[in-house]
Amino acid sequence: MAVTAKKMATIVTFLGVLSFIFGVIAENKKPAAGIPVFGKNVVICKYRSDPTVILGYLSLGFLAASSLVGVFSLFYPYKGKSVPCGALFRSSNFVTFLNIALFTTGLAVALLLWPTLTEHSHIVNNVYRNLKTECPTAKTGVLGGGAFVSLDASLLWLVAIMMAINAREDYFEESENESNGEYDQITTGGQPDANAIRSSPKETV
């Protein structure tokens, strides 16, 4: 099955949507606080059925997969025709959306990774010597925000793919025009001008 830009764009969007869904579910399933269990001079925090960490890592993983496929699709030689990177980067629209997609992806990674690691740390290190601890969890709203930014990133990769396709078409069009110009010069370069032949006086004997 041939790889096409449309298929790559579909994969990028699908993975981005999965990242968004898992991020939103992780935000909704995150408990407001753990349950403190008091021991001897310590407080043990229990977090019952907290899937936030797993869902957060899944969201992050699908975001990474979407971004990797997006980058791969920008430079893939569709139909066996490769394009020099310099030709793509000559397009200002391509460079603009590529930079925006990279920045948005980095922001989404930060917003997803920070609360996920924080929640993971709270679950693993759940013994506190401060008897007044309230069994904290990750900051509310960050995971949900990261999920929306992750979706935005996948859509921006989709636009970057479109800009790359336009740059490819411009490159091949310019190459074809240059080839046609060189062919015309070769075919007409060694032949005399027909108008000049007709207008020249006949040689007398």
Protein backbone atom coordinates (compact mmCIF):
# COMPACT_ATOMS: atom_id res chain seq x y z
CA MET A 1 0.00 0.00 0.00
CA ALA A 2 1.49 3.31 -1.10
CA VAL A 3 2.16 5.96 1.47
CA THR A 4 0.36 9.21 0.69
CA ALA A 5 0.24 12.57 2.39
CA LYS A 6 -3.48 12.10 3.03
CA LYS A 7 -2.88 8.85 4.91
CA MET A 8 -0.08 10.40 6.96
CA ALA A 9 -2.27 13.38 7.83
CA THR A 10 -5.05 11.01 8.92
CA ILE A 11 -2.66 9.11 11.19
CA VAL A 12 -1.34 12.34 12.73
CA THR A 13 -4.87 13.57 13.44
CA PHE A 14 -6.02 10.21 14.83
CA LEU A 15 -3.09 9.98 17.24
CA GLY A 16 -3.64 13.58 18.32
CA VAL A 17 -7.30 12.90 19.05
CA LEU A 18 -6.35 9.86 21.14
CA SER A 19 -3.89 11.98 23.11
CA PHE A 20 -6.64 14.54 23.71
CA ILE A 21 -9.15 11.92 24.86
CA PHE A 22 -6.76 10.24 27.31
CA GLY A 23 -5.69 13.64 28.66
CA VAL A 24 -9.26 14.74 29.30
CA ILE A 25 -10.15 11.44 30.98
CA ALA A 26 -7.02 11.68 33.13
CA GLU A 27 -8.09 15.15 34.27
CA ASN A 28 -11.62 14.01 35.08
CA LYS A 29 -10.49 10.89 36.95
CA LYS A 30 -7.92 12.71 39.08
CA PRO A 31 -9.01 12.74 42.74
CA ALA A 32 -9.17 16.07 44.51
CA ALA A 33 -7.08 14.67 47.39
CA GLY A 34 -5.93 11.40 48.88
CA ILE A 35 -7.33 9.74 51.98
CA PRO A 36 -5.10 10.26 55.04
CA VAL A 37 -4.45 7.25 57.26
CA PHE A 38 -2.84 8.23 60.54
CA GLY A 39 -0.08 6.05 61.93
CA LYS A 40 2.52 6.55 64.62
CA ASN A 41 3.92 10.04 63.97
CA VAL A 42 3.23 9.67 60.23
CA VAL A 43 0.39 10.10 57.77
CA ILE A 44 -0.04 7.57 54.97
CA CYS A 45 -2.01 8.87 52.00
CA LYS A 46 -4.14 6.39 50.11
CA TYR A 47 -5.18 7.11 46.52
CA ARG A 48 -7.93 4.69 45.62
CA SER A 49 -8.28 3.69 41.94
CA ASP A 50 -6.36 6.67 40.57
CA PRO A 51 -5.79 6.06 36.83
CA THR A 52 -4.39 9.56 36.28
CA VAL A 53 -0.78 8.45 35.95
CA ILE A 54 -1.46 5.71 33.38
CA LEU A 55 -3.81 7.91 31.36
CA GLY A 56 -1.36 10.80 31.52
CA TYR A 57 1.46 8.67 30.17
CA LEU A 58 -0.81 7.32 27.43
CA SER A 59 -1.76 10.85 26.43
CA LEU A 60 1.90 11.80 26.35
CA GLY A 61 2.80 8.72 24.32
CA PHE A 62 0.16 9.37 21.66
CA LEU A 63 1.27 13.00 21.46
CA ALA A 64 4.84 11.87 20.86
CA ALA A 65 3.69 9.38 18.22
CA SER A 66 1.59 12.03 16.47
CA SER A 67 4.53 14.46 16.41
CA LEU A 68 7.01 11.84 15.15
CA VAL A 69 4.68 10.82 12.34
CA GLY A 70 4.16 14.49 11.56
CA VAL A 71 7.89 15.16 11.26
CA PHE A 72 8.39 12.00 9.23
CA SER A 73 5.59 12.92 6.83
CA LEU A 74 7.12 16.33 6.10
CA PHE A 75 10.23 14.88 4.49
CA TYR A 76 8.94 11.53 3.18
CA PRO A 77 9.63 10.98 -0.56
CA TYR A 78 6.07 10.47 -1.77
CA LYS A 79 5.81 8.53 -5.06
CA GLY A 80 9.56 7.97 -4.82
CA LYS A 81 10.28 11.65 -5.41
CA SER A 82 12.49 13.24 -2.78
CA VAL A 83 12.81 16.98 -2.24
CA PRO A 84 15.90 18.69 -0.80
CA CYS A 85 15.34 20.14 2.65
CA GLY A 86 16.50 23.49 1.37
CA ALA A 87 13.61 23.57 -1.08
CA LEU A 88 11.13 23.06 1.74
CA PHE A 89 12.71 25.66 3.99
CA ARG A 90 12.53 28.24 1.22
CA SER A 91 8.79 28.30 1.82
CA SER A 92 8.04 30.89 4.51
CA ASN A 93 4.63 29.32 5.24
CA PHE A 94 6.22 25.91 5.80
CA VAL A 95 8.86 27.31 8.16
CA THR A 96 6.27 29.33 10.08
CA PHE A 97 3.88 26.45 10.72
CA LEU A 98 6.73 24.03 11.42
CA ASN A 99 8.04 26.31 14.18
CA ILE A 100 4.54 26.84 15.60
CA ALA A 101 3.90 23.08 15.58
CA LEU A 102 7.21 22.40 17.35
CA PHE A 103 6.53 25.06 19.99
CA THR A 104 2.97 23.86 20.59
CA THR A 105 4.15 20.26 20.87
CA GLY A 106 6.76 21.24 23.44
CA LEU A 107 4.16 23.16 25.44
CA ALA A 108 1.77 20.20 25.34
CA VAL A 109 4.53 17.85 26.53
CA ALA A 110 5.27 20.14 29.47
CA LEU A 111 1.59 20.47 30.44
CA LEU A 112 1.03 16.71 30.27
CA LEU A 113 4.30 15.56 31.80
CA TRP A 114 4.41 17.89 34.80
CA PRO A 115 1.10 16.85 36.46
CA THR A 116 1.61 13.21 35.51
CA LEU A 117 5.01 13.07 37.19
CA THR A 118 3.68 15.02 40.15
CA GLU A 119 0.77 12.61 40.62
CA HIS A 120 3.12 9.66 40.23
CA SER A 121 5.38 11.11 42.91
CA HIS A 122 2.46 11.62 45.30
CA ILE A 123 1.34 8.00 44.87
CA VAL A 124 4.82 6.52 45.34
CA ASN A 125 6.00 8.83 48.14
CA ASN A 126 2.79 8.71 50.16
CA VAL A 127 4.23 8.73 53.69
CA TYR A 128 4.38 12.15 55.39
CA ARG A 129 5.75 13.05 58.79
CA ASN A 130 3.71 16.23 58.80
CA LEU A 131 0.52 15.19 60.60
CA LYS A 132 -1.34 18.14 59.08
CA THR A 133 -0.78 17.07 55.49
CA GLU A 134 -3.84 17.04 53.27
CA CYS A 135 -2.64 14.29 50.88
CA PRO A 136 -2.14 16.52 47.85
CA THR A 137 -2.58 15.62 44.19
CA ALA A 138 -1.40 17.23 40.98
CA LYS A 139 -2.60 20.73 40.23
CA THR A 140 -6.13 20.67 38.89
CA GLY A 141 -6.69 21.77 35.30
CA VAL A 142 -3.16 21.35 33.98
CA LEU A 143 -3.76 17.92 32.45
CA GLY A 144 -6.93 19.10 30.78
CA GLY A 145 -5.14 22.11 29.38
CA GLY A 146 -2.36 19.87 28.13
CA ALA A 147 -4.92 17.67 26.39
CA PHE A 148 -6.34 20.63 24.45
CA VAL A 149 -2.86 21.88 23.55
CA SER A 150 -2.00 18.35 22.39
CA LEU A 151 -4.97 18.40 20.03
CA ASP A 152 -3.89 21.82 18.76
CA ALA A 153 -0.40 20.47 18.13
CA SER A 154 -1.71 17.62 15.98
CA LEU A 155 -3.80 20.04 13.94
CA LEU A 156 -0.78 22.28 13.45
CA TRP A 157 1.23 19.28 12.24
CA LEU A 158 -1.59 18.69 9.78
CA VAL A 159 -1.26 22.25 8.47
CA ALA A 160 2.53 21.86 8.30
CA ILE A 161 2.05 18.75 6.14
CA MET A 162 -0.16 20.76 3.79
CA MET A 163 2.48 23.48 3.57
CA ALA A 164 5.13 20.83 2.84
CA ILE A 165 3.02 19.41 0.01
CA ASN A 166 2.65 22.89 -1.48
CA ALA A 167 6.41 23.43 -1.23
CA ARG A 168 7.01 20.07 -2.95
CA GLU A 169 4.68 21.00 -5.81
CA ASP A 170 6.41 24.36 -6.23
CA TYR A 171 9.81 22.65 -6.30
CA PHE A 172 8.78 20.12 -8.94
CA GLU A 173 7.11 22.83 -11.01
CA GLU A 174 10.24 24.97 -10.94
CA SER A 175 12.39 21.97 -11.80
CA GLU A 176 10.15 21.10 -14.73
CA ASN A 177 10.24 24.67 -16.04
CA GLU A 178 14.02 24.76 -15.79
CA SER A 179 14.30 21.43 -17.61
CA ASN A 180 12.01 22.66 -20.39
CA GLY A 181 14.04 25.84 -20.72
CA GLU A 182 17.30 23.92 -21.00
CA TYR A 183 15.73 21.55 -23.57
CA ASP A 184 14.58 24.48 -25.70
CA GLN A 185 18.07 25.99 -25.61
CA ILE A 186 19.63 22.67 -26.67
CA THR A 187 17.19 22.05 -29.55
CA THR A 188 17.34 25.60 -30.93
CA GLY A 189 20.88 26.59 -30.05
CA GLY A 190 22.62 25.05 -33.07
CA GLN A 191 19.98 25.85 -35.72
CA PRO A 192 19.99 29.05 -37.78
CA ASP A 193 17.07 31.39 -37.57
CA ALA A 194 14.49 30.44 -40.24
CA ASN A 195 13.37 34.05 -40.66
CA ALA A 196 16.95 35.10 -41.32
CA ILE A 197 17.32 32.42 -44.01
CA ARG A 198 14.16 33.51 -45.80
CA SER A 199 15.08 37.21 -45.70
CA SER A 200 18.67 36.78 -46.95
CA PRO A 201 19.29 37.54 -50.70
CA LYS A 202 19.89 34.58 -52.99
CA GLU A 203 23.49 34.01 -54.01
CA THR A 204 24.05 34.82 -57.71
CA VAL A 205 26.01 32.46 -59.93
